[in-house]
Amino acid sequence: MHRHNTRKKSRAQSLVEFTLVAPLLLLIIAVTIDFARVVYTYSAISAAARAGARSLSLKDQENSDCLVFKTVEASAQGFNLSADPNSVAGNTNPNNGGPSGPTPPPPGQGYIYVWPAVSTGQPPDSPGTCGGSGGARFQANQGGEIAIEVQYDFKPWISIVADFIPNFPIKTVSVVQTEY
């Protein structure tokens, strides 16, 4: 009889210990998953920015931003990216900031900012507005550098994390030299 009671007490103690530790263990797993999502998001938008910058550096993109926006959107691996409303002819270098620099995107979305852009309308990637005048990038482009900036407003899945950090921007800039 004594041995049977000891076994029951041991099981009850294990159950109480598990009940105390399980929420912490689940929280650690959930935070790890959200952290992995942040790393993956940064990797995906960074790769999309590099693909766009490479496309932008080619001679055939001298007068148009259309293919660049399409390339970045297609390379985004399922992330919702679209043209930044400020990515139009006459915009400022994203590295220098300025009054007409990149726009912060809404939660769960991202914006693509091209510098120097040749788009002429809002939104910059709509048909008929993403092409510029001849030599537009040459005129705006001092030093032959071109840049693609992608900003994505990350939303955590885990509600406890979202209570402390509701949304935060993930930003990547890819700068390359033109090949023309």
C-alpha atoms as a PDB file:
ATOM      1  CA  MET A   1       0.000   0.000   0.000  1.00  0.00           C
ATOM      2  CA  HIS A   2       2.785   2.398   0.886  1.00  0.00           C
ATOM      3  CA  ARG A   3       4.512   1.828  -2.425  1.00  0.00           C
ATOM      4  CA  HIS A   4       1.301   2.553  -4.373  1.00  0.00           C
ATOM      5  CA  ASN A   5       0.847   5.960  -2.653  1.00  0.00           C
ATOM      6  CA  THR A   6       4.420   6.977  -3.404  1.00  0.00           C
ATOM      7  CA  ARG A   7       3.901   6.255  -7.093  1.00  0.00           C
ATOM      8  CA  LYS A   8       0.687   8.360  -7.172  1.00  0.00           C
ATOM      9  CA  LYS A   9       2.415  11.267  -5.428  1.00  0.00           C
ATOM     10  CA  SER A  10       5.294  11.084  -7.885  1.00  0.00           C
ATOM     11  CA  ARG A  11       2.898  11.156 -10.858  1.00  0.00           C
ATOM     12  CA  ALA A  12       0.980  14.078  -9.373  1.00  0.00           C
ATOM     13  CA  GLN A  13       4.204  15.978  -8.788  1.00  0.00           C
ATOM     14  CA  SER A  14       5.315  15.353 -12.396  1.00  0.00           C
ATOM     15  CA  LEU A  15       1.956  16.560 -13.673  1.00  0.00           C
ATOM     16  CA  VAL A  16       2.212  19.789 -11.660  1.00  0.00           C
ATOM     17  CA  GLU A  17       5.779  20.377 -12.841  1.00  0.00           C
ATOM     18  CA  PHE A  18       4.765  19.783 -16.456  1.00  0.00           C
ATOM     19  CA  THR A  19       1.824  22.177 -16.059  1.00  0.00           C
ATOM     20  CA  LEU A  20       4.185  24.878 -14.818  1.00  0.00           C
ATOM     21  CA  VAL A  21       6.866  24.335 -17.467  1.00  0.00           C
ATOM     22  CA  ALA A  22       4.698  23.653 -20.572  1.00  0.00           C
ATOM     23  CA  PRO A  23       3.541  27.269 -21.188  1.00  0.00           C
ATOM     24  CA  LEU A  24       7.123  28.523 -21.010  1.00  0.00           C
ATOM     25  CA  LEU A  25       8.285  25.795 -23.369  1.00  0.00           C
ATOM     26  CA  LEU A  26       5.486  26.586 -25.837  1.00  0.00           C
ATOM     27  CA  LEU A  27       6.320  30.312 -25.655  1.00  0.00           C
ATOM     28  CA  ILE A  28       9.965  29.600 -26.426  1.00  0.00           C
ATOM     29  CA  ILE A  29       8.952  27.471 -29.433  1.00  0.00           C
ATOM     30  CA  ALA A  30       6.546  30.146 -30.689  1.00  0.00           C
ATOM     31  CA  VAL A  31       9.114  32.956 -30.354  1.00  0.00           C
ATOM     32  CA  THR A  32      11.666  30.796 -32.164  1.00  0.00           C
ATOM     33  CA  ILE A  33       9.219  30.303 -35.033  1.00  0.00           C
ATOM     34  CA  ASP A  34       8.545  34.053 -35.277  1.00  0.00           C
ATOM     35  CA  PHE A  35      12.286  34.786 -35.181  1.00  0.00           C
ATOM     36  CA  ALA A  36      12.801  32.294 -38.021  1.00  0.00           C
ATOM     37  CA  ARG A  37      10.062  34.113 -39.956  1.00  0.00           C
ATOM     38  CA  VAL A  38      11.945  37.417 -39.493  1.00  0.00           C
ATOM     39  CA  VAL A  39      15.175  35.880 -40.795  1.00  0.00           C
ATOM     40  CA  TYR A  40      13.365  34.315 -43.759  1.00  0.00           C
ATOM     41  CA  THR A  41      11.559  37.581 -44.563  1.00  0.00           C
ATOM     42  CA  TYR A  42      14.815  39.526 -44.533  1.00  0.00           C
ATOM     43  CA  SER A  43      16.477  36.915 -46.729  1.00  0.00           C
ATOM     44  CA  ALA A  44      13.608  36.909 -49.246  1.00  0.00           C
ATOM     45  CA  ILE A  45      13.295  40.683 -49.593  1.00  0.00           C
ATOM     46  CA  SER A  46      17.070  41.060 -49.735  1.00  0.00           C
ATOM     47  CA  ALA A  47      17.249  38.549 -52.603  1.00  0.00           C
ATOM     48  CA  ALA A  48      14.395  40.369 -54.364  1.00  0.00           C
ATOM     49  CA  ALA A  49      16.218  43.706 -53.990  1.00  0.00           C
ATOM     50  CA  ARG A  50      19.428  42.217 -55.423  1.00  0.00           C
ATOM     51  CA  ALA A  51      17.527  40.750 -58.393  1.00  0.00           C
ATOM     52  CA  GLY A  52      15.892  44.119 -59.024  1.00  0.00           C
ATOM     53  CA  ALA A  53      19.179  46.008 -58.755  1.00  0.00           C
ATOM     54  CA  ARG A  54      20.807  43.631 -61.211  1.00  0.00           C
ATOM     55  CA  SER A  55      17.919  44.128 -63.624  1.00  0.00           C
ATOM     56  CA  LEU A  56      18.039  47.905 -63.147  1.00  0.00           C
ATOM     57  CA  SER A  57      21.753  48.027 -63.959  1.00  0.00           C
ATOM     58  CA  LEU A  58      21.218  46.754 -67.505  1.00  0.00           C
ATOM     59  CA  LYS A  59      21.202  49.136 -70.482  1.00  0.00           C
ATOM     60  CA  ASP A  60      17.677  48.169 -71.602  1.00  0.00           C
ATOM     61  CA  GLN A  61      16.275  49.516 -68.291  1.00  0.00           C
ATOM     62  CA  GLU A  62      17.722  52.968 -68.831  1.00  0.00           C
ATOM     63  CA  ASN A  63      14.314  54.475 -69.640  1.00  0.00           C
ATOM     64  CA  SER A  64      11.856  52.250 -67.780  1.00  0.00           C
ATOM     65  CA  ASP A  65      11.174  50.920 -64.296  1.00  0.00           C
ATOM     66  CA  CYS A  66       8.478  48.415 -65.371  1.00  0.00           C
ATOM     67  CA  LEU A  67      10.672  45.328 -65.660  1.00  0.00           C
ATOM     68  CA  VAL A  68      12.454  46.206 -62.426  1.00  0.00           C
ATOM     69  CA  PHE A  69       9.207  46.334 -60.434  1.00  0.00           C
ATOM     70  CA  LYS A  70       8.034  43.085 -62.032  1.00  0.00           C
ATOM     71  CA  THR A  71      11.365  41.399 -61.290  1.00  0.00           C
ATOM     72  CA  VAL A  72      11.313  42.387 -57.624  1.00  0.00           C
ATOM     73  CA  GLU A  73       7.647  41.423 -57.212  1.00  0.00           C
ATOM     74  CA  ALA A  74       8.277  38.036 -58.872  1.00  0.00           C
ATOM     75  CA  SER A  75      11.403  37.397 -56.770  1.00  0.00           C
ATOM     76  CA  ALA A  76       9.646  38.199 -53.487  1.00  0.00           C
ATOM     77  CA  GLN A  77       8.800  34.537 -52.735  1.00  0.00           C
ATOM     78  CA  GLY A  78       5.185  35.193 -51.797  1.00  0.00           C
ATOM     79  CA  PHE A  79       5.650  38.490 -49.964  1.00  0.00           C
ATOM     80  CA  ASN A  80       3.292  41.279 -50.994  1.00  0.00           C
ATOM     81  CA  LEU A  81       5.594  43.890 -52.572  1.00  0.00           C
ATOM     82  CA  SER A  82       4.537  46.785 -54.779  1.00  0.00           C
ATOM     83  CA  ALA A  83       5.999  50.017 -56.088  1.00  0.00           C
ATOM     84  CA  ASP A  84       6.574  52.782 -53.556  1.00  0.00           C
ATOM     85  CA  PRO A  85       4.379  55.802 -54.369  1.00  0.00           C
ATOM     86  CA  ASN A  86       7.484  58.037 -54.038  1.00  0.00           C
ATOM     87  CA  SER A  87       9.538  56.028 -56.522  1.00  0.00           C
ATOM     88  CA  VAL A  88       9.091  58.485 -59.383  1.00  0.00           C
ATOM     89  CA  ALA A  89      11.387  60.613 -61.524  1.00  0.00           C
ATOM     90  CA  GLY A  90      13.179  63.181 -59.379  1.00  0.00           C
ATOM     91  CA  ASN A  91      13.181  61.109 -56.187  1.00  0.00           C
ATOM     92  CA  THR A  92      16.031  61.226 -53.669  1.00  0.00           C
ATOM     93  CA  ASN A  93      18.768  58.734 -52.931  1.00  0.00           C
ATOM     94  CA  PRO A  94      17.483  56.297 -50.238  1.00  0.00           C
ATOM     95  CA  ASN A  95      20.898  56.419 -48.558  1.00  0.00           C
ATOM     96  CA  ASN A  96      20.589  60.187 -48.072  1.00  0.00           C
ATOM     97  CA  GLY A  97      16.924  60.263 -47.044  1.00  0.00           C
ATOM     98  CA  GLY A  98      15.115  63.480 -47.824  1.00  0.00           C
ATOM     99  CA  PRO A  99      11.586  64.793 -47.972  1.00  0.00           C
ATOM    100  CA  SER A 100      10.483  62.560 -50.843  1.00  0.00           C
ATOM    101  CA  GLY A 101      12.296  59.414 -49.736  1.00  0.00           C
ATOM    102  CA  PRO A 102      10.759  55.966 -49.326  1.00  0.00           C
ATOM    103  CA  THR A 103       7.279  55.637 -47.845  1.00  0.00           C
ATOM    104  CA  PRO A 104       6.680  53.314 -44.858  1.00  0.00           C
ATOM    105  CA  PRO A 105       4.464  50.440 -46.057  1.00  0.00           C
ATOM    106  CA  PRO A 106       1.274  49.260 -44.344  1.00  0.00           C
ATOM    107  CA  PRO A 107       1.476  46.160 -42.075  1.00  0.00           C
ATOM    108  CA  GLY A 108       2.092  42.889 -43.904  1.00  0.00           C
ATOM    109  CA  GLN A 109       3.108  44.651 -47.124  1.00  0.00           C
ATOM    110  CA  GLY A 110       6.284  45.970 -48.686  1.00  0.00           C
ATOM    111  CA  TYR A 111       7.307  48.810 -50.982  1.00  0.00           C
ATOM    112  CA  ILE A 112       9.940  48.854 -53.712  1.00  0.00           C
ATOM    113  CA  TYR A 113      11.840  52.121 -54.090  1.00  0.00           C
ATOM    114  CA  VAL A 114      14.018  52.662 -57.179  1.00  0.00           C
ATOM    115  CA  TRP A 115      16.698  55.348 -57.307  1.00  0.00           C
ATOM    116  CA  PRO A 116      17.048  57.101 -59.624  1.00  0.00           C
ATOM    117  CA  ALA A 117      13.579  56.311 -60.882  1.00  0.00           C
ATOM    118  CA  VAL A 118      12.208  57.250 -64.286  1.00  0.00           C
ATOM    119  CA  SER A 119       8.555  56.528 -63.518  1.00  0.00           C
ATOM    120  CA  THR A 120       6.320  59.500 -64.097  1.00  0.00           C
ATOM    121  CA  GLY A 121       3.023  58.719 -62.366  1.00  0.00           C
ATOM    122  CA  GLN A 122       1.199  57.312 -59.383  1.00  0.00           C
ATOM    123  CA  PRO A 123       1.409  54.388 -58.933  1.00  0.00           C
ATOM    124  CA  PRO A 124       4.814  54.189 -60.577  1.00  0.00           C
ATOM    125  CA  ASP A 125       4.297  50.653 -61.919  1.00  0.00           C
ATOM    126  CA  SER A 126       1.006  51.265 -63.756  1.00  0.00           C
ATOM    127  CA  PRO A 127       1.008  50.939 -67.560  1.00  0.00           C
ATOM    128  CA  GLY A 128       2.097  54.119 -69.301  1.00  0.00           C
ATOM    129  CA  THR A 129       3.724  55.707 -66.235  1.00  0.00           C
ATOM    130  CA  CYS A 130       6.747  53.512 -65.584  1.00  0.00           C
ATOM    131  CA  GLY A 131       8.748  54.725 -68.574  1.00  0.00           C
ATOM    132  CA  GLY A 132      10.712  57.973 -68.653  1.00  0.00           C
ATOM    133  CA  SER A 133      12.363  60.226 -71.171  1.00  0.00           C
ATOM    134  CA  GLY A 134      15.534  59.211 -72.985  1.00  0.00           C
ATOM    135  CA  GLY A 135      18.636  59.251 -70.822  1.00  0.00           C
ATOM    136  CA  ALA A 136      16.614  59.932 -67.668  1.00  0.00           C
ATOM    137  CA  ARG A 137      18.795  57.760 -65.467  1.00  0.00           C
ATOM    138  CA  PHE A 138      21.946  59.331 -66.897  1.00  0.00           C
ATOM    139  CA  GLN A 139      20.688  62.797 -65.955  1.00  0.00           C
ATOM    140  CA  ALA A 140      19.711  61.860 -62.409  1.00  0.00           C
ATOM    141  CA  ASN A 141      22.484  59.373 -61.842  1.00  0.00           C
ATOM    142  CA  GLN A 142      25.713  60.989 -60.656  1.00  0.00           C
ATOM    143  CA  GLY A 143      28.493  58.426 -60.290  1.00  0.00           C
ATOM    144  CA  GLY A 144      26.707  55.542 -61.995  1.00  0.00           C
ATOM    145  CA  GLU A 145      25.159  54.136 -58.812  1.00  0.00           C
ATOM    146  CA  ILE A 146      21.617  52.844 -58.793  1.00  0.00           C
ATOM    147  CA  ALA A 147      19.718  51.457 -55.845  1.00  0.00           C
ATOM    148  CA  ILE A 148      16.692  49.372 -54.996  1.00  0.00           C
ATOM    149  CA  GLU A 149      15.306  49.663 -51.498  1.00  0.00           C
ATOM    150  CA  VAL A 150      12.694  47.229 -50.272  1.00  0.00           C
ATOM    151  CA  GLN A 151      10.861  47.908 -47.026  1.00  0.00           C
ATOM    152  CA  TYR A 152       8.510  45.331 -45.563  1.00  0.00           C
ATOM    153  CA  ASP A 153       6.384  45.930 -42.465  1.00  0.00           C
ATOM    154  CA  PHE A 154       6.636  42.642 -40.554  1.00  0.00           C
ATOM    155  CA  LYS A 155       3.716  41.490 -38.395  1.00  0.00           C
ATOM    156  CA  PRO A 156       4.523  38.843 -35.745  1.00  0.00           C
ATOM    157  CA  TRP A 157       2.162  35.852 -35.601  1.00  0.00           C
ATOM    158  CA  ILE A 158       2.512  35.295 -31.891  1.00  0.00           C
ATOM    159  CA  SER A 159       0.098  37.537 -30.000  1.00  0.00           C
ATOM    160  CA  ILE A 160       2.369  37.888 -26.968  1.00  0.00           C
ATOM    161  CA  VAL A 161       5.179  39.132 -29.196  1.00  0.00           C
ATOM    162  CA  ALA A 162       2.735  41.362 -31.125  1.00  0.00           C
ATOM    163  CA  ASP A 163       1.657  42.976 -27.828  1.00  0.00           C
ATOM    164  CA  PHE A 164       5.212  44.203 -27.247  1.00  0.00           C
ATOM    165  CA  ILE A 165       6.266  44.727 -30.869  1.00  0.00           C
ATOM    166  CA  PRO A 166       3.131  45.156 -33.025  1.00  0.00           C
ATOM    167  CA  ASN A 167       4.905  45.730 -36.367  1.00  0.00           C
ATOM    168  CA  PHE A 168       8.424  46.596 -37.339  1.00  0.00           C
ATOM    169  CA  PRO A 169      10.030  47.470 -40.658  1.00  0.00           C
ATOM    170  CA  ILE A 170      12.530  45.205 -42.335  1.00  0.00           C
ATOM    171  CA  LYS A 171      14.579  47.199 -44.816  1.00  0.00           C
ATOM    172  CA  THR A 172      17.225  46.247 -47.330  1.00  0.00           C
ATOM    173  CA  VAL A 173      19.045  48.361 -49.920  1.00  0.00           C
ATOM    174  CA  SER A 174      20.959  46.968 -52.859  1.00  0.00           C
ATOM    175  CA  VAL A 175      23.309  49.401 -54.631  1.00  0.00           C
ATOM    176  CA  VAL A 176      25.069  48.502 -57.893  1.00  0.00           C
ATOM    177  CA  GLN A 177      26.982  50.281 -60.632  1.00  0.00           C
ATOM    178  CA  THR A 178      25.277  50.739 -63.981  1.00  0.00           C
ATOM    179  CA  GLU A 179      26.525  48.801 -66.968  1.00  0.00           C
ATOM    180  CA  TYR A 180      25.793  51.611 -69.413  1.00  0.00           C
END
